[in-house]
Amino acid sequence: MARRTAPGTYARIANALRQRITDGTYAPGDQLPGEAALCAEFGVARNTVRRALSTLETDGLITARPGVGRFVPTSKPAVHTRYESIAADLRHHIRSGHYRPGDLLPSEARLAKRYGVSRHTARHALTALEEAGLVTCVHGKGRYVSQDVPR
C-alpha cells in the first residue's frame, strides 16, 4: 500500500518555495531545485512536489521549461482576468500586512461591490487564494488569512 501524504502538504511546500522566491533566495532567472531534490528535502512523493510546483506556476511565480527545469521568471506576468487582478491585489494586502494571519477577509458581496464585479468573480479570486494556501475558508463564518502565510 502506498504511503499517504498529509492533507495540505503541497500547500505548505508551495508556501515555503513562495517564501524563498519572495525573500530572494531564488532570484529572477534562477532555476529551482529539481523534483527529486525537493522530494528529498520535504520528505514527500513526487506527485506532492509537482502539485506544489503547479500551484506556483498557476500563480505566475515560476515557469517551466520542458526538459530543462523550473525557473523564477525575470519579469512579472501580466494579469489576464479580473479575478486574477483581484486575487493579486488581495495577495499584496496579505503580504504587506494589511491583512494579518487570522484576519477575516471581506465577504464575496463586499469584494464584488468594491471591485465592481459579480460575486462569482469575487468568489473565484478568493478560491485562487485558498488554493495558494493564503486563505482558509471556515464554512458559515467566512474566509480568513491563513496562520502560516509566508512573509
Protein backbone atom coordinates (compact mmCIF):
# COMPACT_ATOMS: atom_id res chain seq x y z
CA MET A 1 0.00 0.00 0.00
CA ALA A 2 1.30 3.45 -0.92
CA ARG A 3 2.10 5.96 1.81
CA ARG A 4 -0.35 8.86 2.02
CA THR A 5 0.81 12.42 2.38
CA ALA A 6 -0.97 14.58 4.97
CA PRO A 7 -3.65 16.86 3.52
CA GLY A 8 -2.37 20.32 2.69
CA THR A 9 1.28 19.24 2.50
CA TYR A 10 1.56 20.50 -1.08
CA ALA A 11 0.31 23.93 0.07
CA ARG A 12 2.94 24.07 2.83
CA ILE A 13 5.65 23.19 0.29
CA ALA A 14 4.31 25.79 -2.13
CA ASN A 15 4.33 28.38 0.67
CA ALA A 16 7.92 27.51 1.60
CA LEU A 17 9.03 27.88 -2.02
CA ARG A 18 6.93 31.05 -2.41
CA GLN A 19 8.76 32.50 0.60
CA ARG A 20 12.13 31.66 -0.96
CA ILE A 21 11.11 33.46 -4.14
CA THR A 22 9.74 36.44 -2.20
CA ASP A 23 12.81 36.81 0.02
CA GLY A 24 15.24 36.46 -2.91
CA THR A 25 16.64 33.03 -2.07
CA TYR A 26 15.55 32.19 -5.62
CA ALA A 27 16.09 35.38 -7.62
CA PRO A 28 14.58 36.16 -11.03
CA GLY A 29 16.21 33.88 -13.59
CA ASP A 30 17.26 31.26 -11.02
CA GLN A 31 16.47 27.61 -11.57
CA LEU A 32 14.65 25.84 -8.74
CA PRO A 33 15.99 22.54 -7.43
CA GLY A 34 14.74 19.50 -9.36
CA GLU A 35 11.76 17.42 -8.29
CA ALA A 36 13.97 14.69 -6.81
CA ALA A 37 15.86 17.20 -4.66
CA LEU A 38 12.61 18.79 -3.44
CA CYS A 39 11.15 15.35 -2.68
CA ALA A 40 14.20 14.56 -0.55
CA GLU A 41 14.16 17.95 1.18
CA PHE A 42 10.48 17.80 2.14
CA GLY A 43 10.24 14.01 2.53
CA VAL A 44 7.28 13.64 0.19
CA ALA A 45 6.30 11.85 -3.01
CA ARG A 46 6.94 13.36 -6.41
CA ASN A 47 3.21 13.99 -7.02
CA THR A 48 3.08 16.19 -3.92
CA VAL A 49 6.04 18.25 -5.13
CA ARG A 50 4.51 18.51 -8.61
CA ARG A 51 1.24 19.79 -7.13
CA ALA A 52 3.14 22.44 -5.14
CA LEU A 53 5.09 23.49 -8.23
CA SER A 54 1.89 23.59 -10.27
CA THR A 55 0.39 25.98 -7.71
CA LEU A 56 3.39 28.29 -8.05
CA GLU A 57 3.20 28.09 -11.83
CA THR A 58 -0.50 28.98 -11.74
CA ASP A 59 0.34 31.97 -9.53
CA GLY A 60 2.95 33.07 -12.09
CA LEU A 61 5.84 32.73 -9.62
CA ILE A 62 7.69 30.12 -11.69
CA THR A 63 7.80 28.97 -15.28
CA ALA A 64 8.57 25.50 -16.58
CA ARG A 65 10.90 24.80 -19.47
CA PRO A 66 10.25 21.21 -20.55
CA GLY A 67 13.38 19.12 -20.36
CA VAL A 68 15.28 21.90 -18.60
CA GLY A 69 13.58 22.74 -15.28
CA ARG A 70 11.55 25.34 -13.46
CA PHE A 71 12.69 28.94 -13.17
CA VAL A 72 11.75 32.18 -11.44
CA PRO A 73 10.65 34.45 -14.29
CA THR A 74 12.70 37.57 -14.95
CA SER A 75 9.57 39.71 -15.31
CA LYS A 76 6.18 39.68 -13.67
CA PRO A 77 3.44 38.07 -15.75
CA ALA A 78 0.58 40.24 -16.96
CA VAL A 79 -2.72 39.78 -15.17
CA HIS A 80 -5.19 38.42 -17.69
CA THR A 81 -8.58 38.26 -15.97
CA ARG A 82 -10.50 40.35 -13.47
CA TYR A 83 -10.47 37.64 -10.81
CA GLU A 84 -6.66 37.34 -11.16
CA SER A 85 -6.36 41.09 -10.68
CA ILE A 86 -8.49 40.94 -7.52
CA ALA A 87 -6.54 37.93 -6.22
CA ALA A 88 -3.26 39.76 -6.92
CA ASP A 89 -4.50 42.83 -5.05
CA LEU A 90 -5.63 40.75 -2.05
CA ARG A 91 -2.34 38.79 -2.15
CA HIS A 92 -0.47 42.11 -1.99
CA HIS A 93 -2.57 43.21 1.02
CA ILE A 94 -1.83 39.91 2.78
CA ARG A 95 1.90 40.03 2.10
CA SER A 96 2.18 43.70 3.09
CA GLY A 97 0.49 43.01 6.42
CA HIS A 98 -2.72 44.94 5.73
CA TYR A 99 -4.48 41.63 6.34
CA ARG A 100 -2.67 39.62 9.01
CA PRO A 101 -2.82 35.90 9.78
CA GLY A 102 -6.19 35.13 11.34
CA ASP A 103 -7.90 38.27 9.95
CA LEU A 104 -11.33 37.88 8.40
CA LEU A 105 -11.32 38.92 4.74
CA PRO A 106 -14.17 40.94 3.23
CA SER A 107 -17.14 38.87 2.10
CA GLU A 108 -17.79 37.99 -1.53
CA ALA A 109 -20.54 40.62 -1.58
CA ARG A 110 -18.22 43.35 -0.25
CA LEU A 111 -15.45 42.41 -2.67
CA ALA A 112 -17.94 42.38 -5.55
CA LYS A 113 -19.07 45.89 -4.62
CA ARG A 114 -15.52 47.17 -4.01
CA TYR A 115 -14.19 45.91 -7.36
CA GLY A 116 -17.40 46.33 -9.38
CA VAL A 117 -17.64 42.65 -10.31
CA SER A 118 -20.07 39.78 -9.79
CA ARG A 119 -20.00 37.67 -6.62
CA HIS A 120 -18.91 34.78 -8.81
CA THR A 121 -15.79 36.71 -9.86
CA ALA A 122 -15.05 37.66 -6.24
CA ARG A 123 -15.55 34.02 -5.18
CA HIS A 124 -13.16 32.88 -7.92
CA ALA A 125 -10.48 35.29 -6.63
CA LEU A 126 -10.90 34.04 -3.06
CA THR A 127 -10.78 30.42 -4.24
CA ALA A 128 -7.49 31.13 -6.02
CA LEU A 129 -6.06 32.44 -2.73
CA GLU A 130 -7.35 29.34 -0.91
CA GLU A 131 -5.65 27.10 -3.47
CA ALA A 132 -2.42 29.05 -2.97
CA GLY A 133 -2.65 28.40 0.79
CA LEU A 134 -3.02 32.07 1.70
CA VAL A 135 -6.66 31.90 2.78
CA THR A 136 -8.64 29.40 4.81
CA CYS A 137 -12.40 29.05 4.45
CA VAL A 138 -14.43 28.41 7.60
CA HIS A 139 -17.86 27.40 6.34
CA GLY A 140 -20.56 29.60 7.76
CA LYS A 141 -18.01 32.07 9.15
CA GLY A 142 -16.03 33.43 6.20
CA ARG A 143 -12.54 33.35 4.78
CA TYR A 144 -9.52 34.11 6.93
CA VAL A 145 -5.87 34.79 6.21
CA SER A 146 -4.06 31.50 6.89
CA GLN A 147 -1.94 31.32 10.02
CA ASP A 148 1.17 30.05 8.21
CA VAL A 149 1.32 32.71 5.49
CA PRO A 150 4.91 33.39 4.39
CA ARG A 151 6.01 36.99 4.81
